[in-house]
PDB file of all heavy atoms in Angstrom:
ATOM      1  N   LEU A   1    -107.478   6.725 -23.962  1.00  0.00           N
ATOM      2  CA  LEU A   1    -106.777   7.945 -24.300  1.00  0.00           C
ATOM      3  C   LEU A   1    -107.754   8.941 -25.040  1.00  0.00           C
ATOM      4  O   LEU A   1    -108.568   8.600 -25.791  1.00  0.00           O
ATOM      5  CB  LEU A   1    -105.604   7.613 -25.152  1.00  0.00           C
ATOM      6  CG  LEU A   1    -104.442   7.026 -24.332  1.00  0.00           C
ATOM      7  CD1 LEU A   1    -103.411   6.369 -25.395  1.00  0.00           C
ATOM      8  CD2 LEU A   1    -103.716   8.131 -23.665  1.00  0.00           C
ATOM      9  N   LYS A   2    -107.419  10.224 -24.608  1.00  0.00           N
ATOM     10  CA  LYS A   2    -108.211  11.322 -25.148  1.00  0.00           C
ATOM     11  C   LYS A   2    -107.235  12.234 -25.968  1.00  0.00           C
ATOM     12  O   LYS A   2    -106.024  12.287 -25.635  1.00  0.00           O
ATOM     13  CB  LYS A   2    -108.855  12.092 -24.066  1.00  0.00           C
ATOM     14  CG  LYS A   2    -109.775  11.316 -23.215  1.00  0.00           C
ATOM     15  CD  LYS A   2    -110.290  12.155 -22.064  1.00  0.00           C
ATOM     16  CE  LYS A   2    -111.188  11.324 -21.097  1.00  0.00           C
ATOM     17  NZ  LYS A   2    -111.657  12.132 -19.918  1.00  0.00           N
ATOM     18  N   PRO A   3    -107.755  13.013 -26.852  1.00  0.00           N
ATOM     19  CA  PRO A   3    -106.905  14.034 -27.608  1.00  0.00           C
ATOM     20  C   PRO A   3    -106.120  14.948 -26.614  1.00  0.00           C
ATOM     21  O   PRO A   3    -105.010  15.202 -26.995  1.00  0.00           O
ATOM     22  CB  PRO A   3    -107.827  14.776 -28.515  1.00  0.00           C
ATOM     23  CG  PRO A   3    -108.925  13.779 -28.799  1.00  0.00           C
ATOM     24  CD  PRO A   3    -109.130  13.029 -27.538  1.00  0.00           C
ATOM     25  N   GLU A   4    -106.693  15.289 -25.549  1.00  0.00           N
ATOM     26  CA  GLU A   4    -105.981  16.224 -24.604  1.00  0.00           C
ATOM     27  C   GLU A   4    -104.856  15.505 -23.900  1.00  0.00           C
ATOM     28  O   GLU A   4    -104.142  16.153 -23.140  1.00  0.00           O
ATOM     29  CB  GLU A   4    -107.013  16.797 -23.622  1.00  0.00           C
ATOM     30  CG  GLU A   4    -107.870  15.720 -22.826  1.00  0.00           C
ATOM     31  CD  GLU A   4    -109.259  15.591 -23.503  1.00  0.00           C
ATOM     32  OE1 GLU A   4    -109.301  15.531 -24.746  1.00  0.00           O
ATOM     33  OE2 GLU A   4    -110.193  15.554 -22.742  1.00  0.00           O
ATOM     34  N   ASP A   5    -104.706  14.147 -24.086  1.00  0.00           N
ATOM     35  CA  ASP A   5    -103.511  13.548 -23.541  1.00  0.00           C
ATOM     36  C   ASP A   5    -102.329  13.695 -24.392  1.00  0.00           C
ATOM     37  O   ASP A   5    -101.213  13.228 -24.030  1.00  0.00           O
ATOM     38  CB  ASP A   5    -103.796  12.035 -23.356  1.00  0.00           C
ATOM     39  CG  ASP A   5    -104.909  11.741 -22.334  1.00  0.00           C
ATOM     40  OD1 ASP A   5    -104.873  12.356 -21.219  1.00  0.00           O
ATOM     41  OD2 ASP A   5    -105.746  10.836 -22.541  1.00  0.00           O
ATOM     42  N   THR A   6    -102.502  14.340 -25.596  1.00  0.00           N
ATOM     43  CA  THR A   6    -101.311  14.478 -26.397  1.00  0.00           C
ATOM     44  C   THR A   6    -100.327  15.363 -25.839  1.00  0.00           C
ATOM     45  O   THR A   6    -100.583  16.486 -25.409  1.00  0.00           O
ATOM     46  CB  THR A   6    -101.859  15.067 -27.823  1.00  0.00           C
ATOM     47  OG1 THR A   6    -102.774  14.137 -28.415  1.00  0.00           O
ATOM     48  CG2 THR A   6    -100.710  15.417 -28.688  1.00  0.00           C
ATOM     49  N   ALA A   7     -99.116  14.934 -25.788  1.00  0.00           N
ATOM     50  CA  ALA A   7     -98.027  15.598 -25.115  1.00  0.00           C
ATOM     51  C   ALA A   7     -96.704  14.793 -25.310  1.00  0.00           C
ATOM     52  O   ALA A   7     -96.715  13.645 -25.679  1.00  0.00           O
ATOM     53  CB  ALA A   7     -98.262  15.910 -23.647  1.00  0.00           C
ATOM     54  N   VAL A   8     -95.623  15.407 -24.952  1.00  0.00           N
ATOM     55  CA  VAL A   8     -94.407  14.691 -24.641  1.00  0.00           C
ATOM     56  C   VAL A   8     -94.389  14.243 -23.269  1.00  0.00           C
ATOM     57  O   VAL A   8     -94.541  15.058 -22.361  1.00  0.00           O
ATOM     58  CB  VAL A   8     -93.095  15.564 -24.994  1.00  0.00           C
ATOM     59  CG1 VAL A   8     -91.860  14.799 -24.722  1.00  0.00           C
ATOM     60  CG2 VAL A   8     -93.147  16.059 -26.483  1.00  0.00           C
ATOM     61  N   TYR A   9     -94.147  12.997 -23.031  1.00  0.00           N
ATOM     62  CA  TYR A   9     -94.168  12.342 -21.763  1.00  0.00           C
ATOM     63  C   TYR A   9     -92.724  12.151 -21.312  1.00  0.00           C
ATOM     64  O   TYR A   9     -91.888  11.549 -22.013  1.00  0.00           O
ATOM     65  CB  TYR A   9     -94.940  11.074 -21.762  1.00  0.00           C
ATOM     66  CG  TYR A   9     -96.378  11.249 -21.788  1.00  0.00           C
ATOM     67  CD1 TYR A   9     -97.083  11.757 -22.851  1.00  0.00           C
ATOM     68  CD2 TYR A   9     -97.167  10.989 -20.634  1.00  0.00           C
ATOM     69  CE1 TYR A   9     -98.382  11.979 -22.930  1.00  0.00           C
ATOM     70  CE2 TYR A   9     -98.580  11.277 -20.612  1.00  0.00           C
ATOM     71  CZ  TYR A   9     -99.197  11.719 -21.786  1.00  0.00           C
ATOM     72  OH  TYR A   9    -100.556  11.896 -21.780  1.00  0.00           O
ATOM     73  N   TYR A  10     -92.493  12.671 -20.074  1.00  0.00           N
ATOM     74  CA  TYR A  10     -91.090  12.554 -19.502  1.00  0.00           C
ATOM     75  C   TYR A  10     -91.084  11.663 -18.325  1.00  0.00           C
ATOM     76  O   TYR A  10     -91.910  11.808 -17.376  1.00  0.00           O
ATOM     77  CB  TYR A  10     -90.573  13.913 -19.161  1.00  0.00           C
ATOM     78  CG  TYR A  10     -90.438  14.870 -20.369  1.00  0.00           C
ATOM     79  CD1 TYR A  10     -91.464  15.706 -20.688  1.00  0.00           C
ATOM     80  CD2 TYR A  10     -89.180  14.940 -21.025  1.00  0.00           C
ATOM     81  CE1 TYR A  10     -91.276  16.549 -21.755  1.00  0.00           C
ATOM     82  CE2 TYR A  10     -89.072  15.788 -22.074  1.00  0.00           C
ATOM     83  CZ  TYR A  10     -90.083  16.616 -22.495  1.00  0.00           C
ATOM     84  OH  TYR A  10     -89.904  17.491 -23.533  1.00  0.00           O
ATOM     85  N   CYS A  11     -90.061  10.837 -18.150  1.00  0.00           N
ATOM     86  CA  CYS A  11     -89.793  10.084 -16.963  1.00  0.00           C
ATOM     87  C   CYS A  11     -89.020  10.879 -16.003  1.00  0.00           C
ATOM     88  O   CYS A  11     -88.124  11.659 -16.370  1.00  0.00           O
ATOM     89  CB  CYS A  11     -89.118   8.823 -17.322  1.00  0.00           C
ATOM     90  SG  CYS A  11     -88.781   7.675 -15.907  1.00  0.00           S
ATOM     91  N   ASN A  12     -89.245  10.732 -14.696  1.00  0.00           N
ATOM     92  CA  ASN A  12     -88.610  11.536 -13.683  1.00  0.00           C
ATOM     93  C   ASN A  12     -88.198  10.567 -12.528  1.00  0.00           C
ATOM     94  O   ASN A  12     -88.877   9.637 -12.257  1.00  0.00           O
ATOM     95  CB  ASN A  12     -89.496  12.603 -13.213  1.00  0.00           C
ATOM     96  CG  ASN A  12     -88.963  13.264 -11.860  1.00  0.00           C
ATOM     97  OD1 ASN A  12     -89.400  12.889 -10.764  1.00  0.00           O
ATOM     98  ND2 ASN A  12     -88.175  14.315 -12.059  1.00  0.00           N
ATOM     99  N   ALA A  13     -87.020  10.844 -11.869  1.00  0.00           N
ATOM    100  CA  ALA A  13     -86.702  10.082 -10.737  1.00  0.00           C
ATOM    101  C   ALA A  13     -85.922  11.018  -9.710  1.00  0.00           C
ATOM    102  O   ALA A  13     -85.180  11.925 -10.135  1.00  0.00           O
ATOM    103  CB  ALA A  13     -85.736   8.962 -11.164  1.00  0.00           C
ATOM    104  N   GLY A  14     -86.187  10.763  -8.473  1.00  0.00           N
ATOM    105  CA  GLY A  14     -85.475  11.421  -7.416  1.00  0.00           C
ATOM    106  C   GLY A  14     -84.594  10.392  -6.602  1.00  0.00           C
ATOM    107  O   GLY A  14     -84.735   9.201  -6.797  1.00  0.00           O
ATOM    108  N   LYS A  15     -83.753  10.932  -5.756  1.00  0.00           N
ATOM    109  CA  LYS A  15     -82.887  10.095  -4.948  1.00  0.00           C
ATOM    110  C   LYS A  15     -83.060  10.457  -3.519  1.00  0.00           C
ATOM    111  O   LYS A  15     -83.436  11.587  -3.152  1.00  0.00           O
ATOM    112  CB  LYS A  15     -81.481  10.231  -5.386  1.00  0.00           C
ATOM    113  CG  LYS A  15     -81.195   9.878  -6.819  1.00  0.00           C
ATOM    114  CD  LYS A  15     -79.723   9.550  -7.097  1.00  0.00           C
ATOM    115  CE  LYS A  15     -79.335   8.205  -6.649  1.00  0.00           C
ATOM    116  NZ  LYS A  15     -77.932   7.817  -7.043  1.00  0.00           N
ATOM    117  N   TYR A  16     -82.865   9.565  -2.641  1.00  0.00           N
ATOM    118  CA  TYR A  16     -82.945   9.721  -1.219  1.00  0.00           C
ATOM    119  C   TYR A  16     -82.026  10.865  -0.736  1.00  0.00           C
ATOM    120  O   TYR A  16     -80.847  10.850  -1.151  1.00  0.00           O
ATOM    121  CB  TYR A  16     -82.599   8.448  -0.467  1.00  0.00           C
ATOM    122  CG  TYR A  16     -83.626   7.334  -0.520  1.00  0.00           C
ATOM    123  CD1 TYR A  16     -83.395   6.241  -1.360  1.00  0.00           C
ATOM    124  CD2 TYR A  16     -84.828   7.355   0.158  1.00  0.00           C
ATOM    125  CE1 TYR A  16     -84.335   5.252  -1.548  1.00  0.00           C
ATOM    126  CE2 TYR A  16     -85.843   6.440   0.029  1.00  0.00           C
ATOM    127  CZ  TYR A  16     -85.461   5.378  -0.809  1.00  0.00           C
ATOM    128  OH  TYR A  16     -86.427   4.364  -0.899  1.00  0.00           O
ATOM    129  N   LEU A  17     -82.566  11.718   0.097  1.00  0.00           N
ATOM    130  CA  LEU A  17     -81.775  12.807   0.689  1.00  0.00           C
ATOM    131  C   LEU A  17     -81.126  13.771  -0.293  1.00  0.00           C
ATOM    132  O   LEU A  17     -80.026  14.287  -0.140  1.00  0.00           O
ATOM    133  CB  LEU A  17     -80.611  12.191   1.603  1.00  0.00           C
ATOM    134  CG  LEU A  17     -81.078  11.302   2.723  1.00  0.00           C
ATOM    135  CD1 LEU A  17     -79.903  10.760   3.499  1.00  0.00           C
ATOM    136  CD2 LEU A  17     -82.058  12.007   3.642  1.00  0.00           C
ATOM    137  N   SER A  18     -81.919  13.913  -1.409  1.00  0.00           N
ATOM    138  CA  SER A  18     -81.404  14.808  -2.507  1.00  0.00           C
ATOM    139  C   SER A  18     -82.570  15.621  -3.072  1.00  0.00           C
ATOM    140  O   SER A  18     -83.703  15.063  -3.160  1.00  0.00           O
ATOM    141  CB  SER A  18     -80.669  14.050  -3.548  1.00  0.00           C
ATOM    142  OG  SER A  18     -80.270  14.877  -4.679  1.00  0.00           O
ATOM    143  N   THR A  19     -82.287  16.845  -3.455  1.00  0.00           N
ATOM    144  CA  THR A  19     -83.261  17.638  -4.131  1.00  0.00           C
ATOM    145  C   THR A  19     -83.104  17.541  -5.687  1.00  0.00           C
ATOM    146  O   THR A  19     -83.915  18.140  -6.403  1.00  0.00           O
ATOM    147  CB  THR A  19     -83.278  19.085  -3.740  1.00  0.00           C
ATOM    148  OG1 THR A  19     -81.952  19.571  -4.065  1.00  0.00           O
ATOM    149  CG2 THR A  19     -83.524  19.178  -2.320  1.00  0.00           C
ATOM    150  N   VAL A  20     -82.125  16.855  -6.157  1.00  0.00           N
ATOM    151  CA  VAL A  20     -81.880  16.733  -7.558  1.00  0.00           C
ATOM    152  C   VAL A  20     -82.889  15.781  -8.229  1.00  0.00           C
ATOM    153  O   VAL A  20     -83.144  14.698  -7.769  1.00  0.00           O
ATOM    154  CB  VAL A  20     -80.383  16.214  -7.880  1.00  0.00           C
ATOM    155  CG1 VAL A  20     -80.156  16.036  -9.394  1.00  0.00           C
ATOM    156  CG2 VAL A  20     -79.389  17.212  -7.202  1.00  0.00           C
ATOM    157  N   MET A  21     -83.406  16.160  -9.402  1.00  0.00           N
ATOM    158  CA  MET A  21     -84.350  15.378 -10.108  1.00  0.00           C
ATOM    159  C   MET A  21     -83.641  15.009 -11.456  1.00  0.00           C
ATOM    160  O   MET A  21     -82.995  15.868 -12.053  1.00  0.00           O
ATOM    161  CB  MET A  21     -85.615  16.069 -10.351  1.00  0.00           C
ATOM    162  CG  MET A  21     -86.523  16.222  -9.041  1.00  0.00           C
ATOM    163  SD  MET A  21     -88.048  17.028  -9.401  1.00  0.00           S
ATOM    164  CE  MET A  21     -87.577  18.616  -9.949  1.00  0.00           C
ATOM    165  N   TYR A  22     -83.928  13.811 -11.843  1.00  0.00           N
ATOM    166  CA  TYR A  22     -83.418  13.311 -13.167  1.00  0.00           C
ATOM    167  C   TYR A  22     -84.481  13.163 -14.107  1.00  0.00           C
ATOM    168  O   TYR A  22     -85.605  12.793 -13.749  1.00  0.00           O
ATOM    169  CB  TYR A  22     -82.560  12.005 -12.962  1.00  0.00           C
ATOM    170  CG  TYR A  22     -81.452  12.127 -11.992  1.00  0.00           C
ATOM    171  CD1 TYR A  22     -81.685  11.874 -10.685  1.00  0.00           C
ATOM    172  CD2 TYR A  22     -80.192  12.446 -12.434  1.00  0.00           C
ATOM    173  CE1 TYR A  22     -80.569  11.994  -9.759  1.00  0.00           C
ATOM    174  CE2 TYR A  22     -79.142  12.587 -11.571  1.00  0.00           C
ATOM    175  CZ  TYR A  22     -79.310  12.362 -10.279  1.00  0.00           C
ATOM    176  OH  TYR A  22     -78.254  12.445  -9.365  1.00  0.00           O
ATOM    177  N   TRP A  23     -84.217  13.455 -15.389  1.00  0.00           N
ATOM    178  CA  TRP A  23     -85.234  13.464 -16.400  1.00  0.00           C
ATOM    179  C   TRP A  23     -84.801  12.647 -17.635  1.00  0.00           C
ATOM    180  O   TRP A  23     -83.581  12.681 -18.018  1.00  0.00           O
ATOM    181  CB  TRP A  23     -85.544  14.852 -16.875  1.00  0.00           C
ATOM    182  CG  TRP A  23     -86.129  15.684 -15.827  1.00  0.00           C
ATOM    183  CD1 TRP A  23     -85.466  16.566 -14.928  1.00  0.00           C
ATOM    184  CD2 TRP A  23     -87.497  15.891 -15.508  1.00  0.00           C
ATOM    185  NE1 TRP A  23     -86.308  17.172 -14.067  1.00  0.00           N
ATOM    186  CE2 TRP A  23     -87.612  16.724 -14.400  1.00  0.00           C
ATOM    187  CE3 TRP A  23     -88.739  15.362 -15.963  1.00  0.00           C
ATOM    188  CZ2 TRP A  23     -88.761  17.076 -13.840  1.00  0.00           C
ATOM    189  CZ3 TRP A  23     -89.931  15.665 -15.405  1.00  0.00           C
ATOM    190  CH2 TRP A  23     -89.970  16.610 -14.287  1.00  0.00           C
ATOM    191  N   GLY A  24     -85.693  11.970 -18.242  1.00  0.00           N
ATOM    192  CA  GLY A  24     -85.500  11.316 -19.499  1.00  0.00           C
ATOM    193  C   GLY A  24     -85.660  12.395 -20.652  1.00  0.00           C
ATOM    194  O   GLY A  24     -85.953  13.559 -20.402  1.00  0.00           O
ATOM    195  N   GLN A  25     -85.380  11.930 -21.884  1.00  0.00           N
ATOM    196  CA  GLN A  25     -85.446  12.777 -23.049  1.00  0.00           C
ATOM    197  C   GLN A  25     -86.884  13.007 -23.543  1.00  0.00           C
ATOM    198  O   GLN A  25     -87.114  13.903 -24.349  1.00  0.00           O
ATOM    199  CB  GLN A  25     -84.601  12.210 -24.188  1.00  0.00           C
ATOM    200  CG  GLN A  25     -85.221  11.097 -24.998  1.00  0.00           C
ATOM    201  CD  GLN A  25     -85.376   9.820 -24.267  1.00  0.00           C
ATOM    202  OE1 GLN A  25     -84.825   9.574 -23.173  1.00  0.00           O
ATOM    203  NE2 GLN A  25     -86.176   8.912 -24.876  1.00  0.00           N
ATOM    204  N   GLY A  26     -87.796  12.242 -23.121  1.00  0.00           N
ATOM    205  CA  GLY A  26     -89.177  12.486 -23.514  1.00  0.00           C
ATOM    206  C   GLY A  26     -89.599  11.460 -24.585  1.00  0.00           C
ATOM    207  O   GLY A  26     -88.783  11.144 -25.469  1.00  0.00           O
ATOM    208  N   THR A  27     -90.848  11.068 -24.669  1.00  0.00           N
ATOM    209  CA  THR A  27     -91.372  10.323 -25.712  1.00  0.00           C
ATOM    210  C   THR A  27     -92.783  10.819 -26.138  1.00  0.00           C
ATOM    211  O   THR A  27     -93.600  11.224 -25.228  1.00  0.00           O
ATOM    212  CB  THR A  27     -91.477   8.772 -25.349  1.00  0.00           C
ATOM    213  OG1 THR A  27     -91.931   8.071 -26.469  1.00  0.00           O
ATOM    214  CG2 THR A  27     -92.481   8.619 -24.162  1.00  0.00           C
TER     215      THR A  27
END
């Protein structure tokens, strides 16, 4: 890990045949 990796990291998921994306709250 490098200092430039510092950030809030978010999980993302998509579903088949959908443009909707789901997001976590971040860590």
